[in-house]
Amino acid sequence: MEFHRFLLSNGIRVIIIPTVPYAPAVVQVWVLGGSRTESNEYAGRVHFNEHMFYRGGRDFEDEKSVERELRLLGGKHNAFTGPESVFYFIMTSPRHLRRAMHLLSDMLI
């Protein structure tokens, strides 16, 4: 399978893996630095931040506008915190890929 890998000007690594046309598109973001990187004093902060990203961003100002956009995409979303990273994703129709990327990047940036 052919994939495309490049580095954005802000240092973010991007990997695009094409799927078959009838399969859902999945936008994934892995943020390095999971629960193993926390000190005892700050235990739980990485997981807390995972939940805070769904509170909104610049273009999607609160959790209701995030949920509204997700409903319009007809997709699913989720996140989890692991020992090494935090993982976020939106799964939707390939025709909504750009909107899903916009929503996820707005929440995280």
N, C-alpha and C. Protein backbone atom coordinates (compact mmCIF):
# COMPACT_ATOMS: atom_id res chain seq x y z
N MET A 1 0.84 -1.18 0.00
CA MET A 1 0.00 0.00 0.00
C MET A 1 0.89 1.24 0.00
N GLU A 2 0.55 2.17 -0.85
CA GLU A 2 1.30 3.41 -0.95
C GLU A 2 0.79 4.41 0.09
N PHE A 3 1.71 5.11 0.72
CA PHE A 3 1.30 6.16 1.66
C PHE A 3 2.18 7.37 1.45
N HIS A 4 1.74 8.50 1.95
CA HIS A 4 2.46 9.77 1.80
C HIS A 4 2.82 10.28 3.19
N ARG A 5 4.08 10.66 3.34
CA ARG A 5 4.57 11.14 4.62
C ARG A 5 5.29 12.46 4.40
N PHE A 6 4.94 13.47 5.21
CA PHE A 6 5.61 14.76 5.08
C PHE A 6 5.59 15.49 6.42
N LEU A 7 6.35 16.55 6.49
CA LEU A 7 6.49 17.35 7.71
C LEU A 7 5.93 18.74 7.44
N LEU A 8 5.02 19.21 8.28
CA LEU A 8 4.48 20.55 8.15
C LEU A 8 5.49 21.57 8.66
N SER A 9 5.31 22.83 8.29
CA SER A 9 6.25 23.88 8.70
C SER A 9 6.28 24.06 10.22
N ASN A 10 5.21 23.64 10.93
CA ASN A 10 5.19 23.77 12.39
C ASN A 10 5.78 22.55 13.09
N GLY A 11 6.33 21.60 12.32
CA GLY A 11 6.98 20.43 12.90
C GLY A 11 6.09 19.21 13.06
N ILE A 12 4.82 19.32 12.70
CA ILE A 12 3.92 18.19 12.83
C ILE A 12 4.16 17.21 11.68
N ARG A 13 4.32 15.94 12.02
CA ARG A 13 4.49 14.89 11.02
C ARG A 13 3.12 14.41 10.56
N VAL A 14 2.94 14.28 9.25
CA VAL A 14 1.67 13.85 8.68
C VAL A 14 1.91 12.59 7.85
N ILE A 15 1.05 11.60 8.03
CA ILE A 15 1.08 10.39 7.22
C ILE A 15 -0.32 10.19 6.65
N ILE A 16 -0.41 10.07 5.35
CA ILE A 16 -1.69 9.83 4.68
C ILE A 16 -1.66 8.43 4.10
N ILE A 17 -2.62 7.61 4.52
CA ILE A 17 -2.72 6.24 4.04
C ILE A 17 -4.05 6.12 3.29
N PRO A 18 -4.00 5.97 1.98
CA PRO A 18 -5.26 5.84 1.22
C PRO A 18 -5.99 4.55 1.58
N THR A 19 -7.31 4.63 1.53
CA THR A 19 -8.13 3.43 1.75
C THR A 19 -8.96 3.18 0.50
N VAL A 20 -9.65 2.09 0.48
CA VAL A 20 -10.53 1.80 -0.65
C VAL A 20 -11.69 2.80 -0.64
N PRO A 21 -12.25 3.14 -1.80
CA PRO A 21 -13.26 4.20 -1.88
C PRO A 21 -14.50 3.99 -1.01
N TYR A 22 -14.90 2.76 -0.78
CA TYR A 22 -16.12 2.51 -0.03
C TYR A 22 -15.89 2.42 1.48
N ALA A 23 -14.66 2.50 1.91
CA ALA A 23 -14.35 2.43 3.34
C ALA A 23 -14.46 3.82 3.97
N PRO A 24 -14.75 3.88 5.26
CA PRO A 24 -14.80 5.21 5.91
C PRO A 24 -13.42 5.83 5.96
N ALA A 25 -13.39 7.14 5.95
CA ALA A 25 -12.15 7.88 6.13
C ALA A 25 -11.93 8.07 7.62
N VAL A 26 -10.69 7.95 8.05
CA VAL A 26 -10.36 8.13 9.45
C VAL A 26 -9.26 9.17 9.56
N VAL A 27 -9.54 10.23 10.31
CA VAL A 27 -8.53 11.24 10.62
C VAL A 27 -8.03 10.92 12.02
N GLN A 28 -6.73 10.71 12.13
CA GLN A 28 -6.15 10.34 13.43
C GLN A 28 -5.07 11.34 13.81
N VAL A 29 -4.99 11.64 15.08
CA VAL A 29 -3.91 12.45 15.61
C VAL A 29 -3.35 11.73 16.82
N TRP A 30 -2.04 11.52 16.81
CA TRP A 30 -1.35 10.93 17.96
C TRP A 30 -0.48 12.01 18.55
N VAL A 31 -0.68 12.32 19.80
CA VAL A 31 0.13 13.32 20.51
C VAL A 31 1.09 12.56 21.42
N LEU A 32 2.37 12.74 21.17
CA LEU A 32 3.36 12.05 22.00
C LEU A 32 3.35 12.61 23.41
N GLY A 33 3.48 11.75 24.37
CA GLY A 33 3.46 12.14 25.77
C GLY A 33 2.22 11.65 26.46
N GLY A 34 2.22 10.42 26.89
CA GLY A 34 1.07 9.84 27.55
C GLY A 34 1.23 9.80 29.06
N SER A 35 0.50 8.90 29.67
CA SER A 35 0.47 8.83 31.14
C SER A 35 1.83 8.50 31.75
N ARG A 36 2.66 7.79 31.03
CA ARG A 36 3.99 7.43 31.56
C ARG A 36 4.88 8.65 31.74
N THR A 37 4.58 9.73 31.04
CA THR A 37 5.43 10.93 31.12
C THR A 37 5.07 11.82 32.31
N GLU A 38 3.99 11.49 33.01
CA GLU A 38 3.53 12.33 34.12
C GLU A 38 4.28 12.00 35.42
N SER A 39 4.54 13.03 36.20
CA SER A 39 5.06 12.81 37.54
C SER A 39 3.89 12.48 38.47
N ASN A 40 4.17 11.97 39.63
CA ASN A 40 3.09 11.66 40.60
C ASN A 40 2.28 12.91 40.94
N GLU A 41 2.97 14.05 40.99
CA GLU A 41 2.30 15.30 41.33
C GLU A 41 1.25 15.69 40.29
N TYR A 42 1.50 15.36 39.02
CA TYR A 42 0.60 15.74 37.93
C TYR A 42 -0.13 14.56 37.31
N ALA A 43 -0.22 13.46 38.02
CA ALA A 43 -0.89 12.27 37.49
C ALA A 43 -2.32 12.59 37.11
N GLY A 44 -2.70 12.19 35.91
CA GLY A 44 -4.07 12.41 35.43
C GLY A 44 -4.25 13.61 34.53
N ARG A 45 -3.24 14.47 34.45
CA ARG A 45 -3.38 15.69 33.63
C ARG A 45 -3.47 15.38 32.14
N VAL A 46 -2.72 14.42 31.67
CA VAL A 46 -2.77 14.08 30.24
C VAL A 46 -4.18 13.61 29.88
N HIS A 47 -4.76 12.76 30.70
CA HIS A 47 -6.11 12.28 30.45
C HIS A 47 -7.13 13.41 30.57
N PHE A 48 -6.94 14.29 31.52
CA PHE A 48 -7.81 15.46 31.67
C PHE A 48 -7.77 16.31 30.39
N ASN A 49 -6.57 16.55 29.87
CA ASN A 49 -6.44 17.34 28.65
C ASN A 49 -7.15 16.67 27.48
N GLU A 50 -7.12 15.35 27.43
CA GLU A 50 -7.84 14.62 26.38
C GLU A 50 -9.30 15.05 26.35
N HIS A 51 -9.92 15.13 27.51
CA HIS A 51 -11.32 15.52 27.59
C HIS A 51 -11.53 17.00 27.28
N MET A 52 -10.58 17.84 27.63
CA MET A 52 -10.72 19.27 27.42
C MET A 52 -10.73 19.64 25.94
N PHE A 53 -10.08 18.85 25.09
CA PHE A 53 -10.05 19.17 23.66
C PHE A 53 -11.45 19.16 23.05
N TYR A 54 -12.36 18.40 23.61
CA TYR A 54 -13.72 18.33 23.07
C TYR A 54 -14.58 19.52 23.52
N ARG A 55 -13.99 20.46 24.23
CA ARG A 55 -14.72 21.63 24.70
C ARG A 55 -14.80 22.71 23.62
N GLY A 56 -14.05 22.56 22.53
CA GLY A 56 -14.13 23.53 21.44
C GLY A 56 -12.79 24.10 21.06
N GLY A 57 -12.83 25.04 20.11
CA GLY A 57 -11.63 25.68 19.60
C GLY A 57 -11.97 27.05 19.08
N ARG A 58 -11.24 27.51 18.09
CA ARG A 58 -11.48 28.84 17.51
C ARG A 58 -12.76 28.86 16.67
N ASP A 59 -12.89 27.88 15.76
CA ASP A 59 -14.05 27.86 14.87
C ASP A 59 -15.25 27.13 15.46
N PHE A 60 -15.00 26.21 16.34
CA PHE A 60 -16.06 25.46 17.02
C PHE A 60 -15.92 25.82 18.50
N GLU A 61 -16.68 26.81 18.92
CA GLU A 61 -16.41 27.52 20.16
C GLU A 61 -16.77 26.79 21.44
N ASP A 62 -17.61 25.77 21.36
CA ASP A 62 -17.97 25.05 22.57
C ASP A 62 -18.30 23.61 22.21
N GLU A 63 -18.57 22.80 23.24
CA GLU A 63 -18.81 21.38 23.00
C GLU A 63 -20.06 21.14 22.16
N LYS A 64 -21.05 22.04 22.23
CA LYS A 64 -22.26 21.87 21.41
C LYS A 64 -21.96 22.06 19.93
N SER A 65 -21.11 23.03 19.59
CA SER A 65 -20.77 23.22 18.18
C SER A 65 -19.89 22.08 17.66
N VAL A 66 -19.05 21.51 18.52
CA VAL A 66 -18.25 20.34 18.13
C VAL A 66 -19.19 19.17 17.85
N GLU A 67 -20.12 18.92 18.75
CA GLU A 67 -21.06 17.81 18.57
C GLU A 67 -21.96 18.03 17.34
N ARG A 68 -22.37 19.26 17.10
CA ARG A 68 -23.20 19.57 15.93
C ARG A 68 -22.44 19.23 14.64
N GLU A 69 -21.19 19.65 14.57
CA GLU A 69 -20.38 19.36 13.38
C GLU A 69 -20.17 17.86 13.21
N LEU A 70 -19.94 17.15 14.30
CA LEU A 70 -19.78 15.70 14.20
C LEU A 70 -21.05 15.03 13.68
N ARG A 71 -22.21 15.51 14.12
CA ARG A 71 -23.47 14.97 13.61
C ARG A 71 -23.62 15.24 12.11
N LEU A 72 -23.24 16.45 11.67
CA LEU A 72 -23.32 16.78 10.25
C LEU A 72 -22.39 15.91 9.41
N LEU A 73 -21.27 15.53 9.99
CA LEU A 73 -20.33 14.64 9.30
C LEU A 73 -20.84 13.20 9.26
N GLY A 74 -21.79 12.90 10.12
CA GLY A 74 -22.31 11.53 10.18
C GLY A 74 -21.25 10.55 10.65
N GLY A 75 -20.33 11.05 11.43
CA GLY A 75 -19.20 10.22 11.83
C GLY A 75 -19.18 9.86 13.30
N LYS A 76 -18.11 9.22 13.66
CA LYS A 76 -17.86 8.84 15.05
C LYS A 76 -16.52 9.44 15.45
N HIS A 77 -16.38 9.67 16.74
CA HIS A 77 -15.12 10.19 17.24
C HIS A 77 -14.81 9.53 18.57
N ASN A 78 -13.56 9.55 18.92
CA ASN A 78 -13.16 9.04 20.23
C ASN A 78 -11.72 9.43 20.48
N ALA A 79 -11.27 9.15 21.67
CA ALA A 79 -9.90 9.43 22.07
C ALA A 79 -9.53 8.49 23.20
N PHE A 80 -8.24 8.27 23.37
CA PHE A 80 -7.80 7.52 24.55
C PHE A 80 -6.39 7.93 24.90
N THR A 81 -6.08 7.79 26.16
CA THR A 81 -4.75 8.09 26.68
C THR A 81 -4.03 6.78 26.95
N GLY A 82 -2.86 6.64 26.38
CA GLY A 82 -2.03 5.47 26.61
C GLY A 82 -0.78 5.87 27.36
N PRO A 83 0.09 4.92 27.62
CA PRO A 83 1.32 5.24 28.34
C PRO A 83 2.27 6.16 27.57
N GLU A 84 2.27 6.06 26.23
CA GLU A 84 3.23 6.81 25.42
C GLU A 84 2.62 7.98 24.66
N SER A 85 1.31 7.98 24.44
CA SER A 85 0.70 9.02 23.63
C SER A 85 -0.80 9.13 23.92
N VAL A 86 -1.38 10.19 23.38
CA VAL A 86 -2.83 10.38 23.42
C VAL A 86 -3.29 10.31 21.96
N PHE A 87 -4.36 9.60 21.72
CA PHE A 87 -4.84 9.31 20.38
C PHE A 87 -6.25 9.87 20.21
N TYR A 88 -6.46 10.65 19.15
CA TYR A 88 -7.77 11.22 18.82
C TYR A 88 -8.13 10.78 17.41
N PHE A 89 -9.41 10.52 17.16
CA PHE A 89 -9.79 10.20 15.79
C PHE A 89 -11.23 10.60 15.51
N ILE A 90 -11.49 10.83 14.21
CA ILE A 90 -12.83 11.01 13.67
C ILE A 90 -12.94 10.08 12.47
N MET A 91 -13.99 9.29 12.43
CA MET A 91 -14.25 8.39 11.31
C MET A 91 -15.53 8.88 10.62
N THR A 92 -15.44 9.08 9.31
CA THR A 92 -16.58 9.61 8.57
C THR A 92 -16.50 9.15 7.12
N SER A 93 -17.43 9.60 6.32
CA SER A 93 -17.41 9.32 4.89
C SER A 93 -16.22 10.03 4.25
N PRO A 94 -15.59 9.44 3.24
CA PRO A 94 -14.47 10.11 2.57
C PRO A 94 -14.82 11.49 2.03
N ARG A 95 -16.07 11.73 1.67
CA ARG A 95 -16.44 13.05 1.15
C ARG A 95 -16.39 14.14 2.22
N HIS A 96 -16.35 13.77 3.50
CA HIS A 96 -16.28 14.74 4.60
C HIS A 96 -14.88 14.82 5.22
N LEU A 97 -13.90 14.27 4.53
CA LEU A 97 -12.55 14.20 5.10
C LEU A 97 -11.98 15.57 5.46
N ARG A 98 -12.10 16.54 4.57
CA ARG A 98 -11.57 17.88 4.85
C ARG A 98 -12.24 18.52 6.07
N ARG A 99 -13.55 18.37 6.17
CA ARG A 99 -14.27 18.94 7.32
C ARG A 99 -13.86 18.25 8.61
N ALA A 100 -13.66 16.94 8.54
CA ALA A 100 -13.21 16.20 9.74
C ALA A 100 -11.82 16.65 10.15
N MET A 101 -10.94 16.86 9.17
CA MET A 101 -9.59 17.34 9.48
C MET A 101 -9.65 18.73 10.10
N HIS A 102 -10.52 19.58 9.56
CA HIS A 102 -10.66 20.93 10.10
C HIS A 102 -11.16 20.90 11.55
N LEU A 103 -12.16 20.08 11.82
CA LEU A 103 -12.70 19.99 13.17
C LEU A 103 -11.65 19.48 14.15
N LEU A 104 -10.97 18.41 13.81
CA LEU A 104 -9.99 17.84 14.72
C LEU A 104 -8.82 18.79 14.95
N SER A 105 -8.33 19.43 13.90
CA SER A 105 -7.22 20.37 14.09
C SER A 105 -7.65 21.60 14.89
N ASP A 106 -8.87 22.06 14.68
CA ASP A 106 -9.37 23.21 15.46
C ASP A 106 -9.44 22.87 16.94
N MET A 107 -9.90 21.68 17.26
CA MET A 107 -10.00 21.28 18.67
C MET A 107 -8.61 21.17 19.30
N LEU A 108 -7.65 20.64 18.57
CA LEU A 108 -6.34 20.37 19.15
C LEU A 108 -5.41 21.57 19.16
N ILE A 109 -5.57 22.45 18.19
CA ILE A 109 -4.66 23.60 18.11
C ILE A 109 -5.22 24.77 18.89
